[in-house]
Amino acid sequence: MASVDDVRNGVAQAKAKADEALGSLEQARASLDDAQNMLTQAIQGSGHDEILQARNMLAEAGQNLNLLKSSISNSIETADGWAGRL
């Protein structure tokens, strides 16, 4: 069985990796926002459903990234809290 210090170190390593993932998701979100803005500017005045759907899918992808970020943050907080009580 692992010692308390081993468990805390493992949680800290997992937290560091999760923080990396959050950083990557932040970058992905910024890129998606840029893409959505560029597409919005490019299609200004176009009423074609297909291209509007493409823009809406980018917005939905951004919302999904926000959900992922929230889930990761909640996981980190929970694990960190648990490790702190050991």
N, C-alpha and C. Protein backbone atom coordinates (compact mmCIF):
# COMPACT_ATOMS: atom_id res chain seq x y z
N MET A 1 0.84 -1.17 0.00
CA MET A 1 0.00 0.00 0.00
C MET A 1 0.90 1.25 0.00
N ALA A 2 0.49 2.26 -0.74
CA ALA A 2 1.27 3.48 -0.86
C ALA A 2 1.17 4.32 0.42
N SER A 3 2.25 5.02 0.70
CA SER A 3 2.25 5.91 1.87
C SER A 3 1.43 7.16 1.56
N VAL A 4 1.11 7.90 2.60
CA VAL A 4 0.35 9.14 2.43
C VAL A 4 1.10 10.10 1.51
N ASP A 5 2.43 10.18 1.71
CA ASP A 5 3.23 11.06 0.86
C ASP A 5 3.20 10.61 -0.60
N ASP A 6 3.23 9.30 -0.82
CA ASP A 6 3.15 8.78 -2.19
C ASP A 6 1.82 9.16 -2.84
N VAL A 7 0.76 9.02 -2.06
CA VAL A 7 -0.57 9.37 -2.59
C VAL A 7 -0.63 10.86 -2.90
N ARG A 8 -0.15 11.69 -1.99
CA ARG A 8 -0.16 13.14 -2.22
C ARG A 8 0.67 13.51 -3.45
N ASN A 9 1.83 12.86 -3.60
CA ASN A 9 2.67 13.12 -4.77
C ASN A 9 1.96 12.70 -6.05
N GLY A 10 1.30 11.57 -6.01
CA GLY A 10 0.55 11.12 -7.18
C GLY A 10 -0.56 12.08 -7.54
N VAL A 11 -1.27 12.57 -6.55
CA VAL A 11 -2.34 13.55 -6.79
C VAL A 11 -1.75 14.83 -7.36
N ALA A 12 -0.61 15.26 -6.83
CA ALA A 12 0.04 16.48 -7.32
C ALA A 12 0.47 16.31 -8.78
N GLN A 13 0.97 15.14 -9.14
CA GLN A 13 1.35 14.88 -10.52
C GLN A 13 0.13 14.88 -11.44
N ALA A 14 -0.94 14.26 -10.97
CA ALA A 14 -2.18 14.26 -11.76
C ALA A 14 -2.71 15.68 -11.94
N LYS A 15 -2.61 16.47 -10.88
CA LYS A 15 -3.06 17.86 -10.94
C LYS A 15 -2.24 18.64 -11.95
N ALA A 16 -0.94 18.42 -11.98
CA ALA A 16 -0.07 19.11 -12.94
C ALA A 16 -0.46 18.75 -14.38
N LYS A 17 -0.74 17.49 -14.62
CA LYS A 17 -1.16 17.06 -15.96
C LYS A 17 -2.52 17.65 -16.32
N ALA A 18 -3.42 17.68 -15.36
CA ALA A 18 -4.74 18.26 -15.61
C ALA A 18 -4.62 19.76 -15.89
N ASP A 19 -3.72 20.42 -15.18
CA ASP A 19 -3.47 21.84 -15.45
C ASP A 19 -2.95 22.06 -16.87
N GLU A 20 -2.09 21.15 -17.33
CA GLU A 20 -1.61 21.21 -18.72
C GLU A 20 -2.78 21.08 -19.69
N ALA A 21 -3.66 20.15 -19.39
CA ALA A 21 -4.83 19.96 -20.25
C ALA A 21 -5.69 21.21 -20.28
N LEU A 22 -5.86 21.85 -19.12
CA LEU A 22 -6.64 23.09 -19.08
C LEU A 22 -6.00 24.16 -19.95
N GLY A 23 -4.68 24.26 -19.90
CA GLY A 23 -3.99 25.23 -20.75
C GLY A 23 -4.21 24.95 -22.23
N SER A 24 -4.16 23.68 -22.60
CA SER A 24 -4.40 23.31 -23.99
C SER A 24 -5.83 23.63 -24.41
N LEU A 25 -6.78 23.38 -23.51
CA LEU A 25 -8.17 23.69 -23.82
C LEU A 25 -8.39 25.19 -23.94
N GLU A 26 -7.67 25.98 -23.14
CA GLU A 26 -7.76 27.44 -23.25
C GLU A 26 -7.29 27.88 -24.63
N GLN A 27 -6.18 27.30 -25.09
CA GLN A 27 -5.66 27.63 -26.41
C GLN A 27 -6.65 27.20 -27.50
N ALA A 28 -7.21 26.02 -27.34
CA ALA A 28 -8.18 25.54 -28.31
C ALA A 28 -9.40 26.44 -28.35
N ARG A 29 -9.85 26.88 -27.19
CA ARG A 29 -11.02 27.77 -27.13
C ARG A 29 -10.73 29.09 -27.83
N ALA A 30 -9.54 29.65 -27.60
CA ALA A 30 -9.16 30.90 -28.25
C ALA A 30 -9.12 30.73 -29.77
N SER A 31 -8.59 29.60 -30.22
CA SER A 31 -8.54 29.33 -31.66
C SER A 31 -9.94 29.17 -32.25
N LEU A 32 -10.81 28.48 -31.51
CA LEU A 32 -12.19 28.33 -31.96
C LEU A 32 -12.91 29.68 -32.05
N ASP A 33 -12.67 30.52 -31.05
CA ASP A 33 -13.27 31.86 -31.07
C ASP A 33 -12.79 32.65 -32.28
N ASP A 34 -11.49 32.56 -32.57
CA ASP A 34 -10.94 33.24 -33.75
C ASP A 34 -11.58 32.70 -35.02
N ALA A 35 -11.68 31.38 -35.11
CA ALA A 35 -12.28 30.77 -36.30
C ALA A 35 -13.73 31.20 -36.47
N GLN A 36 -14.46 31.22 -35.36
CA GLN A 36 -15.87 31.62 -35.42
C GLN A 36 -16.00 33.07 -35.86
N ASN A 37 -15.16 33.94 -35.30
CA ASN A 37 -15.19 35.35 -35.70
C ASN A 37 -14.84 35.54 -37.16
N MET A 38 -13.82 34.83 -37.63
CA MET A 38 -13.42 34.91 -39.04
C MET A 38 -14.54 34.43 -39.95
N LEU A 39 -15.16 33.34 -39.56
CA LEU A 39 -16.26 32.80 -40.37
C LEU A 39 -17.44 33.76 -40.36
N THR A 40 -17.73 34.33 -39.22
CA THR A 40 -18.83 35.29 -39.12
C THR A 40 -18.59 36.47 -40.04
N GLN A 41 -17.37 36.98 -40.05
CA GLN A 41 -17.04 38.10 -40.94
C GLN A 41 -17.12 37.69 -42.41
N ALA A 42 -16.65 36.48 -42.71
CA ALA A 42 -16.63 36.01 -44.10
C ALA A 42 -18.03 35.81 -44.66
N ILE A 43 -18.97 35.42 -43.82
CA ILE A 43 -20.31 35.09 -44.33
C ILE A 43 -21.32 36.20 -44.08
N GLN A 44 -20.83 37.34 -43.64
CA GLN A 44 -21.73 38.45 -43.33
C GLN A 44 -22.66 38.72 -44.52
N GLY A 45 -23.94 38.72 -44.23
CA GLY A 45 -24.93 38.96 -45.26
C GLY A 45 -25.41 37.71 -45.97
N SER A 46 -24.76 36.58 -45.71
CA SER A 46 -25.16 35.33 -46.33
C SER A 46 -26.23 34.69 -45.46
N GLY A 47 -27.28 34.24 -46.08
CA GLY A 47 -28.34 33.61 -45.33
C GLY A 47 -28.41 32.11 -45.55
N HIS A 48 -27.35 31.54 -46.10
CA HIS A 48 -27.37 30.11 -46.40
C HIS A 48 -27.31 29.30 -45.12
N ASP A 49 -28.26 28.40 -44.99
CA ASP A 49 -28.38 27.58 -43.77
C ASP A 49 -27.13 26.76 -43.51
N GLU A 50 -26.51 26.23 -44.56
CA GLU A 50 -25.36 25.35 -44.38
C GLU A 50 -24.19 26.07 -43.71
N ILE A 51 -23.89 27.28 -44.15
CA ILE A 51 -22.76 28.01 -43.58
C ILE A 51 -23.10 28.54 -42.19
N LEU A 52 -24.36 28.89 -41.98
CA LEU A 52 -24.79 29.31 -40.64
C LEU A 52 -24.68 28.14 -39.67
N GLN A 53 -25.01 26.97 -40.16
CA GLN A 53 -24.89 25.77 -39.33
C GLN A 53 -23.42 25.53 -38.97
N ALA A 54 -22.52 25.73 -39.91
CA ALA A 54 -21.09 25.56 -39.65
C ALA A 54 -20.64 26.52 -38.55
N ARG A 55 -21.07 27.76 -38.62
CA ARG A 55 -20.71 28.74 -37.59
C ARG A 55 -21.28 28.32 -36.24
N ASN A 56 -22.52 27.86 -36.23
CA ASN A 56 -23.15 27.42 -34.98
C ASN A 56 -22.46 26.20 -34.38
N MET A 57 -21.94 25.33 -35.23
CA MET A 57 -21.21 24.17 -34.74
C MET A 57 -19.91 24.60 -34.06
N LEU A 58 -19.26 25.64 -34.58
CA LEU A 58 -18.06 26.16 -33.91
C LEU A 58 -18.42 26.72 -32.53
N ALA A 59 -19.54 27.41 -32.46
CA ALA A 59 -19.99 27.95 -31.17
C ALA A 59 -20.29 26.81 -30.19
N GLU A 60 -20.93 25.77 -30.67
CA GLU A 60 -21.24 24.62 -29.82
C GLU A 60 -19.96 23.92 -29.36
N ALA A 61 -18.99 23.81 -30.24
CA ALA A 61 -17.71 23.20 -29.85
C ALA A 61 -17.06 24.02 -28.73
N GLY A 62 -17.15 25.33 -28.82
CA GLY A 62 -16.60 26.19 -27.76
C GLY A 62 -17.32 25.96 -26.45
N GLN A 63 -18.62 25.80 -26.49
CA GLN A 63 -19.38 25.54 -25.27
C GLN A 63 -18.99 24.18 -24.68
N ASN A 64 -18.76 23.20 -25.54
CA ASN A 64 -18.34 21.89 -25.07
C ASN A 64 -16.96 21.96 -24.42
N LEU A 65 -16.08 22.78 -24.98
CA LEU A 65 -14.77 22.97 -24.35
C LEU A 65 -14.92 23.59 -22.97
N ASN A 66 -15.83 24.52 -22.83
CA ASN A 66 -16.08 25.12 -21.51
C ASN A 66 -16.54 24.07 -20.51
N LEU A 67 -17.38 23.15 -20.95
CA LEU A 67 -17.84 22.07 -20.07
C LEU A 67 -16.69 21.16 -19.67
N LEU A 68 -15.82 20.86 -20.62
CA LEU A 68 -14.65 20.05 -20.32
C LEU A 68 -13.75 20.74 -19.30
N LYS A 69 -13.51 22.02 -19.51
CA LYS A 69 -12.68 22.78 -18.58
C LYS A 69 -13.27 22.75 -17.18
N SER A 70 -14.57 22.91 -17.09
CA SER A 70 -15.24 22.89 -15.80
C SER A 70 -15.11 21.53 -15.13
N SER A 71 -15.28 20.47 -15.89
CA SER A 71 -15.15 19.11 -15.34
C SER A 71 -13.74 18.86 -14.83
N ILE A 72 -12.75 19.29 -15.60
CA ILE A 72 -11.36 19.10 -15.19
C ILE A 72 -11.07 19.91 -13.94
N SER A 73 -11.52 21.15 -13.91
CA SER A 73 -11.29 22.00 -12.73
C SER A 73 -11.94 21.40 -11.49
N ASN A 74 -13.16 20.91 -11.63
CA ASN A 74 -13.85 20.29 -10.50
C ASN A 74 -13.12 19.05 -10.02
N SER A 75 -12.61 18.28 -10.95
CA SER A 75 -11.87 17.07 -10.59
C SER A 75 -10.60 17.43 -9.82
N ILE A 76 -9.89 18.44 -10.32
CA ILE A 76 -8.66 18.88 -9.64
C ILE A 76 -8.98 19.33 -8.22
N GLU A 77 -10.00 20.14 -8.06
CA GLU A 77 -10.37 20.64 -6.74
C GLU A 77 -10.74 19.50 -5.79
N THR A 78 -11.50 18.54 -6.29
CA THR A 78 -11.91 17.41 -5.47
C THR A 78 -10.72 16.58 -5.04
N ALA A 79 -9.85 16.24 -5.99
CA ALA A 79 -8.68 15.43 -5.68
C ALA A 79 -7.74 16.17 -4.73
N ASP A 80 -7.55 17.46 -4.97
CA ASP A 80 -6.68 18.26 -4.13
C ASP A 80 -7.22 18.36 -2.71
N GLY A 81 -8.53 18.54 -2.59
CA GLY A 81 -9.15 18.59 -1.28
C GLY A 81 -9.01 17.28 -0.51
N TRP A 82 -9.22 16.19 -1.25
CA TRP A 82 -9.10 14.87 -0.63
C TRP A 82 -7.67 14.64 -0.16
N ALA A 83 -6.69 14.95 -1.01
CA ALA A 83 -5.28 14.75 -0.65
C ALA A 83 -4.90 15.63 0.54
N GLY A 84 -5.49 16.81 0.62
CA GLY A 84 -5.18 17.70 1.73
C GLY A 84 -5.71 17.17 3.07
N ARG A 85 -6.71 16.34 3.03
CA ARG A 85 -7.28 15.80 4.27
C ARG A 85 -6.59 14.51 4.72
N LEU A 86 -5.66 14.02 3.91
CA LEU A 86 -4.97 12.78 4.29
C LEU A 86 -4.09 12.97 5.50
